[in-house]
Amino acid sequence: MDQSPENTQEGQVGAPAAMEASLALDGDGSRIAHARHLAADFLAKVGDAHGIPVLTATVEIVQLIVSELVTNARKYAPGPALLHLRVADGVLQIELSDSSPVLPAPKAANPERVGQHGLEIVTALAQYVSVQATAAGKRVTASVTLSHP
């Protein structure tokens, strides 16, 4: 797990350091709680290191996004997954890479549907969400603004 504040943004002399943290995930359901704790601890360190005010509500939103992404990877991907958090310029990038080549798509609204709302929740909470195919499966990225200039 890398939480080194020494990682700087490439090509930007004098730019504030970008902070990163990663967590390898296997099929163990306890990793969901671990991922949520990692996100909260990471945001606390970001706030301290960069003086970025991170509201409690933002931490809770990020933890919910992380929970949904990790749960979906555990549920639908056959192999390991990787959670990667990165903050630069006051924006948190939450990336979840997994081994499933199936790209998720939001489902049509249906109040009777039980479950399968993960992508809808992530899309509603994040400012930006992208899903990309990768050589090993897919990557879902959600962006959350931590503070307003």
Protein backbone atom coordinates (compact mmCIF):
# COMPACT_ATOMS: atom_id res chain seq x y z
CA MET A 1 0.00 0.00 0.00
CA ASP A 2 1.59 3.25 -1.14
CA GLN A 3 0.54 6.39 0.68
CA SER A 4 3.68 8.34 -0.02
CA PRO A 5 3.13 12.09 -0.28
CA GLU A 6 6.42 12.32 -2.15
CA ASN A 7 4.79 11.27 -5.44
CA THR A 8 4.69 14.48 -7.48
CA GLN A 9 2.73 15.29 -10.56
CA GLU A 10 4.85 14.59 -13.60
CA GLY A 11 5.90 17.59 -15.64
CA GLN A 12 4.74 20.20 -13.14
CA VAL A 13 7.64 21.81 -11.32
CA GLY A 14 6.60 23.11 -7.93
CA ALA A 15 3.18 21.45 -8.09
CA PRO A 16 1.86 20.08 -4.82
CA ALA A 17 2.60 16.42 -4.33
CA ALA A 18 -0.04 14.00 -5.53
CA MET A 19 -0.88 11.43 -2.89
CA GLU A 20 -1.72 7.83 -3.74
CA ALA A 21 -2.76 4.65 -1.99
CA SER A 22 -3.54 1.19 -3.34
CA LEU A 23 -5.06 -1.98 -1.99
CA ALA A 24 -4.93 -5.40 -3.65
CA LEU A 25 -8.24 -7.20 -3.24
CA ASP A 26 -8.96 -10.91 -3.32
CA GLY A 27 -12.23 -12.79 -2.90
CA ASP A 28 -12.32 -12.22 0.86
CA GLY A 29 -15.37 -10.14 1.81
CA SER A 30 -13.47 -8.50 4.69
CA ARG A 31 -11.58 -6.48 2.09
CA ILE A 32 -14.68 -4.30 1.58
CA ALA A 33 -14.38 -2.98 5.14
CA HIS A 34 -10.61 -2.66 4.72
CA ALA A 35 -11.11 -0.63 1.52
CA ARG A 36 -13.55 1.71 3.30
CA HIS A 37 -11.08 2.26 6.15
CA LEU A 38 -8.25 2.85 3.67
CA ALA A 39 -10.34 5.55 1.94
CA ALA A 40 -11.15 7.33 5.22
CA ASP A 41 -7.55 7.17 6.47
CA PHE A 42 -6.24 8.32 3.09
CA LEU A 43 -8.57 11.34 3.05
CA ALA A 44 -7.48 12.29 6.57
CA LYS A 45 -3.83 12.22 5.44
CA VAL A 46 -4.66 14.25 2.34
CA GLY A 47 -6.38 16.87 4.46
CA ASP A 48 -3.38 17.09 6.80
CA ALA A 49 -0.68 17.05 4.10
CA HIS A 50 -2.33 19.45 1.66
CA GLY A 51 -4.54 21.52 3.92
CA ILE A 52 -7.53 20.45 1.83
CA PRO A 53 -10.70 20.58 3.91
CA VAL A 54 -12.36 17.18 3.59
CA LEU A 55 -15.88 17.25 5.00
CA THR A 56 -17.28 14.25 6.89
CA ALA A 57 -20.01 14.01 4.26
CA THR A 58 -17.34 13.74 1.53
CA VAL A 59 -15.58 10.93 3.42
CA GLU A 60 -18.90 9.10 3.71
CA ILE A 61 -19.61 9.57 -0.02
CA VAL A 62 -16.15 8.25 -0.91
CA GLN A 63 -16.59 5.26 1.40
CA LEU A 64 -19.92 4.43 -0.25
CA ILE A 65 -18.40 4.69 -3.74
CA VAL A 66 -15.50 2.47 -2.67
CA SER A 67 -17.94 -0.05 -1.12
CA GLU A 68 -20.02 -0.23 -4.29
CA LEU A 69 -17.01 -0.63 -6.59
CA VAL A 70 -15.31 -3.26 -4.41
CA THR A 71 -18.58 -5.15 -3.88
CA ASN A 72 -19.25 -5.26 -7.62
CA ALA A 73 -15.71 -6.47 -8.36
CA ARG A 74 -16.02 -9.17 -5.72
CA LYS A 75 -19.43 -10.21 -7.02
CA TYR A 76 -18.82 -10.19 -10.79
CA ALA A 77 -15.07 -10.54 -11.44
CA PRO A 78 -13.48 -13.99 -11.17
CA GLY A 79 -10.03 -12.86 -10.05
CA PRO A 80 -8.23 -10.30 -7.98
CA ALA A 81 -8.91 -6.58 -8.13
CA LEU A 82 -6.97 -3.43 -7.33
CA LEU A 83 -8.30 -0.30 -5.64
CA HIS A 84 -6.23 2.80 -6.33
CA LEU A 85 -6.82 6.22 -4.78
CA ARG A 86 -5.09 9.36 -6.03
CA VAL A 87 -5.55 13.01 -5.12
CA ALA A 88 -4.25 15.82 -7.29
CA ASP A 89 -5.49 19.40 -7.54
CA GLY A 90 -8.23 18.80 -4.97
CA VAL A 91 -9.81 15.92 -6.89
CA LEU A 92 -9.87 12.32 -5.70
CA GLN A 93 -9.68 9.65 -8.40
CA ILE A 94 -11.05 6.30 -7.21
CA GLU A 95 -10.03 3.50 -9.58
CA LEU A 96 -11.08 -0.11 -9.31
CA SER A 97 -9.48 -2.52 -11.76
CA ASP A 98 -10.71 -6.09 -11.98
CA SER A 99 -10.39 -9.13 -14.20
CA SER A 100 -13.88 -9.17 -15.71
CA PRO A 101 -14.05 -8.02 -19.34
CA VAL A 102 -17.78 -7.28 -18.98
CA LEU A 103 -18.33 -3.52 -18.80
CA PRO A 104 -21.10 -2.50 -16.41
CA ALA A 105 -23.97 -0.40 -17.72
CA PRO A 106 -26.68 1.36 -15.75
CA LYS A 107 -30.00 -0.43 -15.79
CA ALA A 108 -33.34 1.18 -16.57
CA ALA A 109 -35.17 2.53 -13.54
CA ASN A 110 -37.27 -0.13 -11.87
CA PRO A 111 -38.50 0.42 -8.29
CA GLU A 112 -39.16 -3.31 -7.93
CA ARG A 113 -35.60 -4.37 -8.78
CA VAL A 114 -33.68 -5.61 -5.78
CA GLY A 115 -29.95 -4.99 -6.03
CA GLN A 116 -27.83 -4.13 -9.05
CA HIS A 117 -27.88 -0.42 -8.24
CA GLY A 118 -24.11 -0.06 -7.69
CA LEU A 119 -23.25 1.85 -10.85
CA GLU A 120 -26.32 4.06 -10.43
CA ILE A 121 -25.19 4.95 -6.89
CA VAL A 122 -21.62 5.65 -7.98
CA THR A 123 -22.81 7.80 -10.90
CA ALA A 124 -25.14 9.77 -8.62
CA LEU A 125 -22.41 10.48 -6.05
CA ALA A 126 -19.33 11.15 -8.20
CA GLN A 127 -18.75 14.17 -10.39
CA TYR A 128 -17.41 11.93 -13.16
CA VAL A 129 -17.47 8.17 -13.81
CA SER A 130 -15.78 6.26 -16.62
CA VAL A 131 -15.59 2.58 -17.47
CA GLN A 132 -12.74 1.37 -19.66
CA ALA A 133 -11.78 -2.01 -21.02
CA THR A 134 -8.19 -2.99 -20.20
CA ALA A 135 -5.97 -5.85 -21.34
CA ALA A 136 -6.64 -7.63 -18.03
CA GLY A 137 -10.36 -6.80 -17.69
CA LYS A 138 -11.77 -3.35 -16.93
CA ARG A 139 -11.20 -0.21 -14.89
CA VAL A 140 -13.94 1.92 -13.33
CA THR A 141 -12.88 5.43 -12.33
CA ALA A 142 -14.94 7.81 -10.22
CA SER A 143 -13.86 11.40 -9.49
CA VAL A 144 -14.87 13.32 -6.38
CA THR A 145 -13.98 16.96 -5.78
CA LEU A 146 -12.65 17.40 -2.26
CA SER A 147 -12.82 21.17 -2.03
CA HIS A 148 -13.88 24.11 -4.13
CA PRO A 149 -11.32 26.78 -5.02
